[in-house]
Amino acid sequence: MLRTVRDLQGYAIRATDGVIGEVADFFFDDEDWVIRYLVVDAGTWLRGRHVLISPVAIGHPDWMAQLLPVSITKDQVKNSPDIDTRKPVSRQHETEHLGYYGYPFYWGGAGL
């Protein structure tokens, strides 16, 4: 069954050691029209903080439970680089963010 990105808004994000928040928004690549990051509202756990989660970390969604598992820990999220999700993400921020998680840079040719 096909689903839209909008279907994922509000889904809980479950790290390897517990829930970290819910999907609030998405960052799209304006050239390739692919999702580059999920914007996760860390809500009550990290009050008022939004974090970026790369699609590289996302597992198979549980559509019935409205849950997206991710292959990172709560500690990784807590200590991730701060970013203002209300502004466009610069290449410098992406370099820092992807480097922190050890993900490849998608602009290097291979893509994500």
PDB file of N, CA and C in Angstrom:
ATOM      1  N   MET A   1       0.846  -1.175   0.000  1.00  0.00           N
ATOM      2  CA  MET A   1       0.000   0.000   0.000  1.00  0.00           C
ATOM      3  C   MET A   1       0.898   1.247   0.000  1.00  0.00           C
ATOM      4  N   LEU A   2       0.568   2.197  -0.829  1.00  0.00           N
ATOM      5  CA  LEU A   2       1.303   3.455  -0.865  1.00  0.00           C
ATOM      6  C   LEU A   2       0.844   4.352   0.284  1.00  0.00           C
ATOM      7  N   ARG A   3       1.776   5.086   0.819  1.00  0.00           N
ATOM      8  CA  ARG A   3       1.487   6.026   1.902  1.00  0.00           C
ATOM      9  C   ARG A   3       2.107   7.368   1.547  1.00  0.00           C
ATOM     10  N   THR A   4       1.569   8.421   2.113  1.00  0.00           N
ATOM     11  CA  THR A   4       2.155   9.746   1.917  1.00  0.00           C
ATOM     12  C   THR A   4       3.016  10.099   3.118  1.00  0.00           C
ATOM     13  N   VAL A   5       3.892  11.057   2.923  1.00  0.00           N
ATOM     14  CA  VAL A   5       4.733  11.526   4.013  1.00  0.00           C
ATOM     15  C   VAL A   5       3.864  12.066   5.143  1.00  0.00           C
ATOM     16  N   ARG A   6       2.793  12.695   4.791  1.00  0.00           N
ATOM     17  CA  ARG A   6       1.881  13.252   5.795  1.00  0.00           C
ATOM     18  C   ARG A   6       1.379  12.177   6.761  1.00  0.00           C
ATOM     19  N   ASP A   7       1.279  10.937   6.274  1.00  0.00           N
ATOM     20  CA  ASP A   7       0.847   9.830   7.133  1.00  0.00           C
ATOM     21  C   ASP A   7       1.780   9.621   8.321  1.00  0.00           C
ATOM     22  N   LEU A   8       3.053   9.992   8.158  1.00  0.00           N
ATOM     23  CA  LEU A   8       4.044   9.771   9.208  1.00  0.00           C
ATOM     24  C   LEU A   8       4.057  10.858  10.282  1.00  0.00           C
ATOM     25  N   GLN A   9       3.455  11.997  10.007  1.00  0.00           N
ATOM     26  CA  GLN A   9       3.444  13.068  11.003  1.00  0.00           C
ATOM     27  C   GLN A   9       2.724  12.599  12.252  1.00  0.00           C
ATOM     28  N   GLY A  10       3.377  12.822  13.394  1.00  0.00           N
ATOM     29  CA  GLY A  10       2.817  12.420  14.675  1.00  0.00           C
ATOM     30  C   GLY A  10       3.226  11.020  15.102  1.00  0.00           C
ATOM     31  N   TYR A  11       3.880  10.257  14.209  1.00  0.00           N
ATOM     32  CA  TYR A  11       4.332   8.925  14.589  1.00  0.00           C
ATOM     33  C   TYR A  11       5.403   9.040  15.671  1.00  0.00           C
ATOM     34  N   ALA A  12       5.376   8.126  16.614  1.00  0.00           N
ATOM     35  CA  ALA A  12       6.398   8.078  17.655  1.00  0.00           C
ATOM     36  C   ALA A  12       7.701   7.576  17.046  1.00  0.00           C
ATOM     37  N   ILE A  13       8.802   8.134  17.505  1.00  0.00           N
ATOM     38  CA  ILE A  13      10.133   7.701  17.086  1.00  0.00           C
ATOM     39  C   ILE A  13      10.738   6.914  18.249  1.00  0.00           C
ATOM     40  N   ARG A  14      11.028   5.631  17.993  1.00  0.00           N
ATOM     41  CA  ARG A  14      11.577   4.784  19.046  1.00  0.00           C
ATOM     42  C   ARG A  14      13.051   4.505  18.770  1.00  0.00           C
ATOM     43  N   ALA A  15      13.910   5.041  19.634  1.00  0.00           N
ATOM     44  CA  ALA A  15      15.337   4.750  19.576  1.00  0.00           C
ATOM     45  C   ALA A  15      15.551   3.323  20.075  1.00  0.00           C
ATOM     46  N   THR A  16      16.775   2.857  20.050  1.00  0.00           N
ATOM     47  CA  THR A  16      17.049   1.495  20.485  1.00  0.00           C
ATOM     48  C   THR A  16      16.769   1.294  21.974  1.00  0.00           C
ATOM     49  N   ASP A  17      16.698   2.399  22.719  1.00  0.00           N
ATOM     50  CA  ASP A  17      16.484   2.301  24.164  1.00  0.00           C
ATOM     51  C   ASP A  17      15.300   3.124  24.666  1.00  0.00           C
ATOM     52  N   GLY A  18      14.347   3.420  23.806  1.00  0.00           N
ATOM     53  CA  GLY A  18      13.138   4.113  24.239  1.00  0.00           C
ATOM     54  C   GLY A  18      12.663   5.162  23.254  1.00  0.00           C
ATOM     55  N   VAL A  19      11.472   5.658  23.501  1.00  0.00           N
ATOM     56  CA  VAL A  19      10.858   6.670  22.624  1.00  0.00           C
ATOM     57  C   VAL A  19      11.532   8.021  22.851  1.00  0.00           C
ATOM     58  N   ILE A  20      11.813   8.713  21.743  1.00  0.00           N
ATOM     59  CA  ILE A  20      12.491  10.012  21.833  1.00  0.00           C
ATOM     60  C   ILE A  20      11.614  11.182  21.413  1.00  0.00           C
ATOM     61  N   GLY A  21      10.477  10.923  20.836  1.00  0.00           N
ATOM     62  CA  GLY A  21       9.603  12.011  20.410  1.00  0.00           C
ATOM     63  C   GLY A  21       8.711  11.564  19.277  1.00  0.00           C
ATOM     64  N   GLU A  22       8.251  12.558  18.503  1.00  0.00           N
ATOM     65  CA  GLU A  22       7.375  12.234  17.376  1.00  0.00           C
ATOM     66  C   GLU A  22       7.737  13.061  16.160  1.00  0.00           C
ATOM     67  N   VAL A  23       7.369  12.542  14.994  1.00  0.00           N
ATOM     68  CA  VAL A  23       7.658  13.217  13.725  1.00  0.00           C
ATOM     69  C   VAL A  23       6.852  14.514  13.662  1.00  0.00           C
ATOM     70  N   ALA A  24       7.570  15.631  13.512  1.00  0.00           N
ATOM     71  CA  ALA A  24       6.921  16.940  13.432  1.00  0.00           C
ATOM     72  C   ALA A  24       6.914  17.482  12.004  1.00  0.00           C
ATOM     73  N   ASP A  25       7.962  17.168  11.242  1.00  0.00           N
ATOM     74  CA  ASP A  25       8.097  17.742   9.902  1.00  0.00           C
ATOM     75  C   ASP A  25       9.180  16.984   9.148  1.00  0.00           C
ATOM     76  N   PHE A  26       9.491  17.465   7.942  1.00  0.00           N
ATOM     77  CA  PHE A  26      10.494  16.838   7.094  1.00  0.00           C
ATOM     78  C   PHE A  26      11.310  17.912   6.406  1.00  0.00           C
ATOM     79  N   PHE A  27      12.585  17.612   6.146  1.00  0.00           N
ATOM     80  CA  PHE A  27      13.410  18.452   5.291  1.00  0.00           C
ATOM     81  C   PHE A  27      13.603  17.696   3.983  1.00  0.00           C
ATOM     82  N   PHE A  28      13.228  18.348   2.878  1.00  0.00           N
ATOM     83  CA  PHE A  28      13.382  17.778   1.547  1.00  0.00           C
ATOM     84  C   PHE A  28      14.575  18.397   0.857  1.00  0.00           C
ATOM     85  N   ASP A  29      15.221  17.629   0.011  1.00  0.00           N
ATOM     86  CA  ASP A  29      16.258  18.145  -0.870  1.00  0.00           C
ATOM     87  C   ASP A  29      15.526  18.849  -2.009  1.00  0.00           C
ATOM     88  N   ASP A  30      15.804  20.125  -2.213  1.00  0.00           N
ATOM     89  CA  ASP A  30      15.066  20.902  -3.208  1.00  0.00           C
ATOM     90  C   ASP A  30      15.502  20.635  -4.645  1.00  0.00           C
ATOM     91  N   GLU A  31      16.548  19.838  -4.840  1.00  0.00           N
ATOM     92  CA  GLU A  31      16.944  19.463  -6.197  1.00  0.00           C
ATOM     93  C   GLU A  31      16.458  18.066  -6.557  1.00  0.00           C
ATOM     94  N   ASP A  32      16.633  17.114  -5.648  1.00  0.00           N
ATOM     95  CA  ASP A  32      16.287  15.721  -5.931  1.00  0.00           C
ATOM     96  C   ASP A  32      14.923  15.316  -5.387  1.00  0.00           C
ATOM     97  N   TRP A  33      14.299  16.151  -4.599  1.00  0.00           N
ATOM     98  CA  TRP A  33      12.992  15.886  -3.996  1.00  0.00           C
ATOM     99  C   TRP A  33      12.946  14.553  -3.255  1.00  0.00           C
ATOM    100  N   VAL A  34      13.925  14.400  -2.384  1.00  0.00           N
ATOM    101  CA  VAL A  34      13.945  13.255  -1.482  1.00  0.00           C
ATOM    102  C   VAL A  34      13.979  13.790  -0.056  1.00  0.00           C
ATOM    103  N   ILE A  35      13.524  12.988   0.872  1.00  0.00           N
ATOM    104  CA  ILE A  35      13.574  13.390   2.279  1.00  0.00           C
ATOM    105  C   ILE A  35      15.012  13.258   2.755  1.00  0.00           C
ATOM    106  N   ARG A  36      15.559  14.338   3.278  1.00  0.00           N
ATOM    107  CA  ARG A  36      16.910  14.313   3.828  1.00  0.00           C
ATOM    108  C   ARG A  36      16.884  14.082   5.336  1.00  0.00           C
ATOM    109  N   TYR A  37      15.869  14.630   6.024  1.00  0.00           N
ATOM    110  CA  TYR A  37      15.784  14.475   7.477  1.00  0.00           C
ATOM    111  C   TYR A  37      14.343  14.479   7.937  1.00  0.00           C
ATOM    112  N   LEU A  38      14.080  13.758   9.003  1.00  0.00           N
ATOM    113  CA  LEU A  38      12.840  13.900   9.744  1.00  0.00           C
ATOM    114  C   LEU A  38      13.119  14.899  10.857  1.00  0.00           C
ATOM    115  N   VAL A  39      12.214  15.817  11.062  1.00  0.00           N
ATOM    116  CA  VAL A  39      12.311  16.732  12.197  1.00  0.00           C
ATOM    117  C   VAL A  39      11.502  16.094  13.308  1.00  0.00           C
ATOM    118  N   VAL A  40      12.166  15.792  14.411  1.00  0.00           N
ATOM    119  CA  VAL A  40      11.526  15.107  15.524  1.00  0.00           C
ATOM    120  C   VAL A  40      11.382  16.069  16.691  1.00  0.00           C
ATOM    121  N   ASP A  41      10.156  16.192  17.169  1.00  0.00           N
ATOM    122  CA  ASP A  41       9.874  16.988  18.357  1.00  0.00           C
ATOM    123  C   ASP A  41      10.146  16.092  19.556  1.00  0.00           C
ATOM    124  N   ALA A  42      11.206  16.412  20.296  1.00  0.00           N
ATOM    125  CA  ALA A  42      11.593  15.600  21.454  1.00  0.00           C
ATOM    126  C   ALA A  42      10.691  15.864  22.654  1.00  0.00           C
ATOM    127  N   GLY A  43       9.754  16.779  22.486  1.00  0.00           N
ATOM    128  CA  GLY A  43       8.672  17.021  23.443  1.00  0.00           C
ATOM    129  C   GLY A  43       9.027  16.999  24.907  1.00  0.00           C
ATOM    130  N   THR A  44       8.410  16.092  25.631  1.00  0.00           N
ATOM    131  CA  THR A  44       8.572  16.066  27.086  1.00  0.00           C
ATOM    132  C   THR A  44       9.929  15.534  27.516  1.00  0.00           C
ATOM    133  N   TRP A  45      10.574  14.744  26.671  1.00  0.00           N
ATOM    134  CA  TRP A  45      11.861  14.169  27.033  1.00  0.00           C
ATOM    135  C   TRP A  45      12.974  15.223  26.999  1.00  0.00           C
ATOM    136  N   LEU A  46      13.087  15.974  25.927  1.00  0.00           N
ATOM    137  CA  LEU A  46      14.044  17.084  25.816  1.00  0.00           C
ATOM    138  C   LEU A  46      13.233  18.336  25.543  1.00  0.00           C
ATOM    139  N   ARG A  47      12.624  18.844  26.543  1.00  0.00           N
ATOM    140  CA  ARG A  47      11.649  19.931  26.471  1.00  0.00           C
ATOM    141  C   ARG A  47      12.025  21.020  25.470  1.00  0.00           C
ATOM    142  N   GLY A  48      11.132  21.198  24.485  1.00  0.00           N
ATOM    143  CA  GLY A  48      11.278  22.280  23.512  1.00  0.00           C
ATOM    144  C   GLY A  48      12.322  22.042  22.440  1.00  0.00           C
ATOM    145  N   ARG A  49      12.928  20.883  22.400  1.00  0.00           N
ATOM    146  CA  ARG A  49      13.999  20.648  21.425  1.00  0.00           C
ATOM    147  C   ARG A  49      13.494  19.832  20.243  1.00  0.00           C
ATOM    148  N   HIS A  50      13.918  20.256  19.056  1.00  0.00           N
ATOM    149  CA  HIS A  50      13.676  19.511  17.834  1.00  0.00           C
ATOM    150  C   HIS A  50      15.022  18.980  17.350  1.00  0.00           C
ATOM    151  N   VAL A  51      15.033  17.754  16.868  1.00  0.00           N
ATOM    152  CA  VAL A  51      16.266  17.144  16.377  1.00  0.00           C
ATOM    153  C   VAL A  51      16.033  16.600  14.975  1.00  0.00           C
ATOM    154  N   LEU A  52      17.121  16.459  14.239  1.00  0.00           N
ATOM    155  CA  LEU A  52      17.050  15.886  12.897  1.00  0.00           C
ATOM    156  C   LEU A  52      17.454  14.421  12.941  1.00  0.00           C
ATOM    157  N   ILE A  53      16.687  13.597  12.257  1.00  0.00           N
ATOM    158  CA  ILE A  53      16.997  12.176  12.140  1.00  0.00           C
ATOM    159  C   ILE A  53      17.113  11.858  10.657  1.00  0.00           C
ATOM    160  N   SER A  54      18.234  11.285  10.279  1.00  0.00           N
ATOM    161  CA  SER A  54      18.455  10.913   8.887  1.00  0.00           C
ATOM    162  C   SER A  54      17.646   9.671   8.535  1.00  0.00           C
ATOM    163  N   PRO A  55      17.149   9.588   7.302  1.00  0.00           N
ATOM    164  CA  PRO A  55      16.456   8.372   6.864  1.00  0.00           C
ATOM    165  C   PRO A  55      17.324   7.117   6.960  1.00  0.00           C
ATOM    166  N   VAL A  56      18.656   7.286   6.987  1.00  0.00           N
ATOM    167  CA  VAL A  56      19.575   6.158   7.135  1.00  0.00           C
ATOM    168  C   VAL A  56      19.263   5.382   8.414  1.00  0.00           C
ATOM    169  N   ALA A  57      18.797   6.072   9.450  1.00  0.00           N
ATOM    170  CA  ALA A  57      18.563   5.460  10.760  1.00  0.00           C
ATOM    171  C   ALA A  57      17.198   4.791  10.889  1.00  0.00           C
ATOM    172  N   ILE A  58      16.317   5.011   9.938  1.00  0.00           N
ATOM    173  CA  ILE A  58      14.927   4.565  10.085  1.00  0.00           C
ATOM    174  C   ILE A  58      14.765   3.101   9.690  1.00  0.00           C
ATOM    175  N   GLY A  59      14.057   2.371  10.554  1.00  0.00           N
ATOM    176  CA  GLY A  59      13.716   0.972  10.273  1.00  0.00           C
ATOM    177  C   GLY A  59      12.342   0.897   9.639  1.00  0.00           C
ATOM    178  N   HIS A  60      11.748  -0.277   9.670  1.00  0.00           N
ATOM    179  CA  HIS A  60      10.423  -0.489   9.085  1.00  0.00           C
ATOM    180  C   HIS A  60       9.345   0.063  10.007  1.00  0.00           C
ATOM    181  N   PRO A  61       8.453   0.897   9.487  1.00  0.00           N
ATOM    182  CA  PRO A  61       7.401   1.477  10.317  1.00  0.00           C
ATOM    183  C   PRO A  61       6.410   0.413  10.800  1.00  0.00           C
ATOM    184  N   ASP A  62       5.895   0.635  11.986  1.00  0.00           N
ATOM    185  CA  ASP A  62       4.793  -0.168  12.494  1.00  0.00           C
ATOM    186  C   ASP A  62       3.551   0.688  12.280  1.00  0.00           C
ATOM    187  N   TRP A  63       2.847   0.435  11.166  1.00  0.00           N
ATOM    188  CA  TRP A  63       1.723   1.279  10.763  1.00  0.00           C
ATOM    189  C   TRP A  63       0.590   1.220  11.779  1.00  0.00           C
ATOM    190  N   MET A  64       0.357   0.064  12.349  1.00  0.00           N
ATOM    191  CA  MET A  64      -0.741  -0.076  13.309  1.00  0.00           C
ATOM    192  C   MET A  64      -0.458   0.690  14.606  1.00  0.00           C
ATOM    193  N   ALA A  65       0.774   0.610  15.085  1.00  0.00           N
ATOM    194  CA  ALA A  65       1.151   1.278  16.336  1.00  0.00           C
ATOM    195  C   ALA A  65       1.574   2.728  16.108  1.00  0.00           C
ATOM    196  N   GLN A  66       1.661   3.154  14.838  1.00  0.00           N
ATOM    197  CA  GLN A  66       2.128   4.489  14.461  1.00  0.00           C
ATOM    198  C   GLN A  66       3.492   4.782  15.110  1.00  0.00           C
ATOM    199  N   LEU A  67       4.450   3.911  14.768  1.00  0.00           N
ATOM    200  CA  LEU A  67       5.769   3.939  15.378  1.00  0.00           C
ATOM    201  C   LEU A  67       6.849   3.768  14.312  1.00  0.00           C
ATOM    202  N   LEU A  68       7.892   4.601  14.393  1.00  0.00           N
ATOM    203  CA  LEU A  68       9.056   4.472  13.515  1.00  0.00           C
ATOM    204  C   LEU A  68      10.267   4.125  14.373  1.00  0.00           C
ATOM    205  N   PRO A  69      10.830   2.937  14.207  1.00  0.00           N
ATOM    206  CA  PRO A  69      12.040   2.607  14.949  1.00  0.00           C
ATOM    207  C   PRO A  69      13.260   3.239  14.268  1.00  0.00           C
ATOM    208  N   VAL A  70      14.226   3.661  15.065  1.00  0.00           N
ATOM    209  CA  VAL A  70      15.473   4.209  14.537  1.00  0.00           C
ATOM    210  C   VAL A  70      16.649   3.511  15.211  1.00  0.00           C
ATOM    211  N   SER A  71      17.747   3.414  14.482  1.00  0.00           N
ATOM    212  CA  SER A  71      18.917   2.666  14.957  1.00  0.00           C
ATOM    213  C   SER A  71      19.924   3.563  15.674  1.00  0.00           C
ATOM    214  N   ILE A  72      19.422   4.438  16.512  1.00  0.00           N
ATOM    215  CA  ILE A  72      20.278   5.300  17.328  1.00  0.00           C
ATOM    216  C   ILE A  72      19.760   5.254  18.763  1.00  0.00           C
ATOM    217  N   THR A  73      20.579   5.725  19.693  1.00  0.00           N
ATOM    218  CA  THR A  73      20.203   5.699  21.100  1.00  0.00           C
ATOM    219  C   THR A  73      19.686   7.064  21.557  1.00  0.00           C
ATOM    220  N   LYS A  74      19.034   7.058  22.695  1.00  0.00           N
ATOM    221  CA  LYS A  74      18.560   8.312  23.283  1.00  0.00           C
ATOM    222  C   LYS A  74      19.741   9.218  23.606  1.00  0.00           C
ATOM    223  N   ASP A  75      20.836   8.625  24.062  1.00  0.00           N
ATOM    224  CA  ASP A  75      22.028   9.414  24.380  1.00  0.00           C
ATOM    225  C   ASP A  75      22.590  10.101  23.147  1.00  0.00           C
ATOM    226  N   GLN A  76      22.596   9.404  22.017  1.00  0.00           N
ATOM    227  CA  GLN A  76      23.067  10.019  20.771  1.00  0.00           C
ATOM    228  C   GLN A  76      22.200  11.220  20.408  1.00  0.00           C
ATOM    229  N   VAL A  77      20.905  11.069  20.560  1.00  0.00           N
ATOM    230  CA  VAL A  77      19.985  12.166  20.242  1.00  0.00           C
ATOM    231  C   VAL A  77      20.200  13.328  21.207  1.00  0.00           C
ATOM    232  N   LYS A  78      20.299  13.022  22.482  1.00  0.00           N
ATOM    233  CA  LYS A  78      20.476  14.050  23.516  1.00  0.00           C
ATOM    234  C   LYS A  78      21.736  14.876  23.265  1.00  0.00           C
ATOM    235  N   ASN A  79      22.810  14.223  22.819  1.00  0.00           N
ATOM    236  CA  ASN A  79      24.095  14.900  22.618  1.00  0.00           C
ATOM    237  C   ASN A  79      24.335  15.340  21.181  1.00  0.00           C
ATOM    238  N   SER A  80      23.325  15.209  20.320  1.00  0.00           N
ATOM    239  CA  SER A  80      23.492  15.578  18.911  1.00  0.00           C
ATOM    240  C   SER A  80      23.661  17.092  18.763  1.00  0.00           C
ATOM    241  N   PRO A  81      24.290  17.506  17.662  1.00  0.00           N
ATOM    242  CA  PRO A  81      24.495  18.944  17.431  1.00  0.00           C
ATOM    243  C   PRO A  81      23.156  19.697  17.390  1.00  0.00           C
ATOM    244  N   ASP A  82      23.132  20.859  18.041  1.00  0.00           N
ATOM    245  CA  ASP A  82      21.930  21.703  18.010  1.00  0.00           C
ATOM    246  C   ASP A  82      21.754  22.300  16.622  1.00  0.00           C
ATOM    247  N   ILE A  83      20.496  22.446  16.247  1.00  0.00           N
ATOM    248  CA  ILE A  83      20.184  23.059  14.956  1.00  0.00           C
ATOM    249  C   ILE A  83      18.823  23.733  15.058  1.00  0.00           C
ATOM    250  N   ASP A  84      18.708  24.877  14.427  1.00  0.00           N
ATOM    251  CA  ASP A  84      17.432  25.594  14.399  1.00  0.00           C
ATOM    252  C   ASP A  84      16.629  25.044  13.230  1.00  0.00           C
ATOM    253  N   THR A  85      15.640  24.214  13.522  1.00  0.00           N
ATOM    254  CA  THR A  85      14.868  23.549  12.469  1.00  0.00           C
ATOM    255  C   THR A  85      13.882  24.481  11.779  1.00  0.00           C
ATOM    256  N   ARG A  86      13.817  25.728  12.219  1.00  0.00           N
ATOM    257  CA  ARG A  86      12.948  26.700  11.544  1.00  0.00           C
ATOM    258  C   ARG A  86      13.659  27.387  10.392  1.00  0.00           C
ATOM    259  N   LYS A  87      14.951  27.084  10.213  1.00  0.00           N
ATOM    260  CA  LYS A  87      15.750  27.681   9.146  1.00  0.00           C
ATOM    261  C   LYS A  87      16.259  26.578   8.220  1.00  0.00           C
ATOM    262  N   PRO A  88      16.639  26.950   6.988  1.00  0.00           N
ATOM    263  CA  PRO A  88      17.231  25.954   6.096  1.00  0.00           C
ATOM    264  C   PRO A  88      18.512  25.376   6.713  1.00  0.00           C
ATOM    265  N   VAL A  89      18.786  24.130   6.397  1.00  0.00           N
ATOM    266  CA  VAL A  89      19.982  23.467   6.915  1.00  0.00           C
ATOM    267  C   VAL A  89      21.133  23.732   5.954  1.00  0.00           C
ATOM    268  N   SER A  90      22.214  24.292   6.462  1.00  0.00           N
ATOM    269  CA  SER A  90      23.375  24.580   5.623  1.00  0.00           C
ATOM    270  C   SER A  90      24.238  23.330   5.474  1.00  0.00           C
ATOM    271  N   ARG A  91      25.091  23.324   4.477  1.00  0.00           N
ATOM    272  CA  ARG A  91      25.999  22.202   4.260  1.00  0.00           C
ATOM    273  C   ARG A  91      26.917  22.024   5.468  1.00  0.00           C
ATOM    274  N   GLN A  92      27.280  23.126   6.107  1.00  0.00           N
ATOM    275  CA  GLN A  92      28.119  23.059   7.306  1.00  0.00           C
ATOM    276  C   GLN A  92      27.395  22.308   8.430  1.00  0.00           C
ATOM    277  N   HIS A  93      26.105  22.618   8.623  1.00  0.00           N
ATOM    278  CA  HIS A  93      25.329  21.907   9.639  1.00  0.00           C
ATOM    279  C   HIS A  93      25.199  20.424   9.289  1.00  0.00           C
ATOM    280  N   GLU A  94      24.976  20.145   8.011  1.00  0.00           N
ATOM    281  CA  GLU A  94      24.848  18.752   7.589  1.00  0.00           C
ATOM    282  C   GLU A  94      26.147  17.988   7.810  1.00  0.00           C
ATOM    283  N   THR A  95      27.273  18.609   7.504  1.00  0.00           N
ATOM    284  CA  THR A  95      28.569  17.969   7.707  1.00  0.00           C
ATOM    285  C   THR A  95      28.754  17.609   9.175  1.00  0.00           C
ATOM    286  N   GLU A  96      28.428  18.538  10.046  1.00  0.00           N
ATOM    287  CA  GLU A  96      28.544  18.294  11.484  1.00  0.00           C
ATOM    288  C   GLU A  96      27.572  17.203  11.928  1.00  0.00           C
ATOM    289  N   HIS A  97      26.337  17.284  11.466  1.00  0.00           N
ATOM    290  CA  HIS A  97      25.290  16.338  11.863  1.00  0.00           C
ATOM    291  C   HIS A  97      25.597  14.925  11.369  1.00  0.00           C
ATOM    292  N   LEU A  98      25.868  14.780  10.074  1.00  0.00           N
ATOM    293  CA  LEU A  98      26.147  13.463   9.513  1.00  0.00           C
ATOM    294  C   LEU A  98      27.434  12.882  10.088  1.00  0.00           C
ATOM    295  N   GLY A  99      28.433  13.745  10.307  1.00  0.00           N
ATOM    296  CA  GLY A  99      29.683  13.290  10.917  1.00  0.00           C
ATOM    297  C   GLY A  99      29.482  12.782  12.331  1.00  0.00           C
ATOM    298  N   TYR A 100      28.626  13.447  13.093  1.00  0.00           N
ATOM    299  CA  TYR A 100      28.336  13.035  14.469  1.00  0.00           C
ATOM    300  C   TYR A 100      27.786  11.607  14.509  1.00  0.00           C
ATOM    301  N   TYR A 101      26.870  11.294  13.602  1.00  0.00           N
ATOM    302  CA  TYR A 101      26.265   9.964  13.564  1.00  0.00           C
ATOM    303  C   TYR A 101      27.083   8.958  12.755  1.00  0.00           C
ATOM    304  N   GLY A 102      28.103   9.424  12.028  1.00  0.00           N
ATOM    305  CA  GLY A 102      28.922   8.529  11.216  1.00  0.00           C
ATOM    306  C   GLY A 102      28.268   8.135   9.907  1.00  0.00           C
ATOM    307  N   TYR A 103      27.344   8.970   9.398  1.00  0.00           N
ATOM    308  CA  TYR A 103      26.666   8.682   8.143  1.00  0.00           C
ATOM    309  C   TYR A 103      27.457   9.278   6.979  1.00  0.00           C
ATOM    310  N   PRO A 104      27.347   8.676   5.793  1.00  0.00           N
ATOM    311  CA  PRO A 104      28.046   9.219   4.623  1.00  0.00           C
ATOM    312  C   PRO A 104      27.418  10.535   4.166  1.00  0.00           C
ATOM    313  N   PHE A 105      28.241  11.361   3.543  1.00  0.00           N
ATOM    314  CA  PHE A 105      27.744  12.606   2.966  1.00  0.00           C
ATOM    315  C   PHE A 105      27.088  12.273   1.635  1.00  0.00           C
ATOM    316  N   TYR A 106      25.810  12.564   1.472  1.00  0.00           N
ATOM    317  CA  TYR A 106      25.088  12.195   0.271  1.00  0.00           C
ATOM    318  C   TYR A 106      25.543  12.987  -0.952  1.00  0.00           C
ATOM    319  N   TRP A 107      26.166  14.130  -0.763  1.00  0.00           N
ATOM    320  CA  TRP A 107      26.593  14.940  -1.884  1.00  0.00           C
ATOM    321  C   TRP A 107      27.937  14.461  -2.436  1.00  0.00           C
ATOM    322  N   GLY A 108      28.480  13.407  -1.901  1.00  0.00           N
ATOM    323  CA  GLY A 108      29.759  12.878  -2.366  1.00  0.00           C
ATOM    324  C   GLY A 108      29.639  11.980  -3.589  1.00  0.00           C
ATOM    325  N   GLY A 109      28.412  11.727  -4.033  1.00  0.00           N
ATOM    326  CA  GLY A 109      28.235  10.947  -5.243  1.00  0.00           C
ATOM    327  C   GLY A 109      27.382   9.698  -5.050  1.00  0.00           C
ATOM    328  N   ALA A 110      27.597   8.966  -3.971  1.00  0.00           N
ATOM    329  CA  ALA A 110      26.869   7.711  -3.782  1.00  0.00           C
ATOM    330  C   ALA A 110      25.415   7.955  -3.363  1.00  0.00           C
ATOM    331  N   GLY A 111      25.149   9.064  -2.696  1.00  0.00           N
ATOM    332  CA  GLY A 111      23.797   9.385  -2.254  1.00  0.00           C
ATOM    333  C   GLY A 111      23.371   8.554  -1.068  1.00  0.00           C
ATOM    334  N   LEU A 112      22.280   8.961  -0.457  1.00  0.00           N
ATOM    335  CA  LEU A 112      21.723   8.190   0.661  1.00  0.00           C
ATOM    336  C   LEU A 112      20.569   7.369   0.158  1.00  0.00           C
TER     337      LEU A 112
END
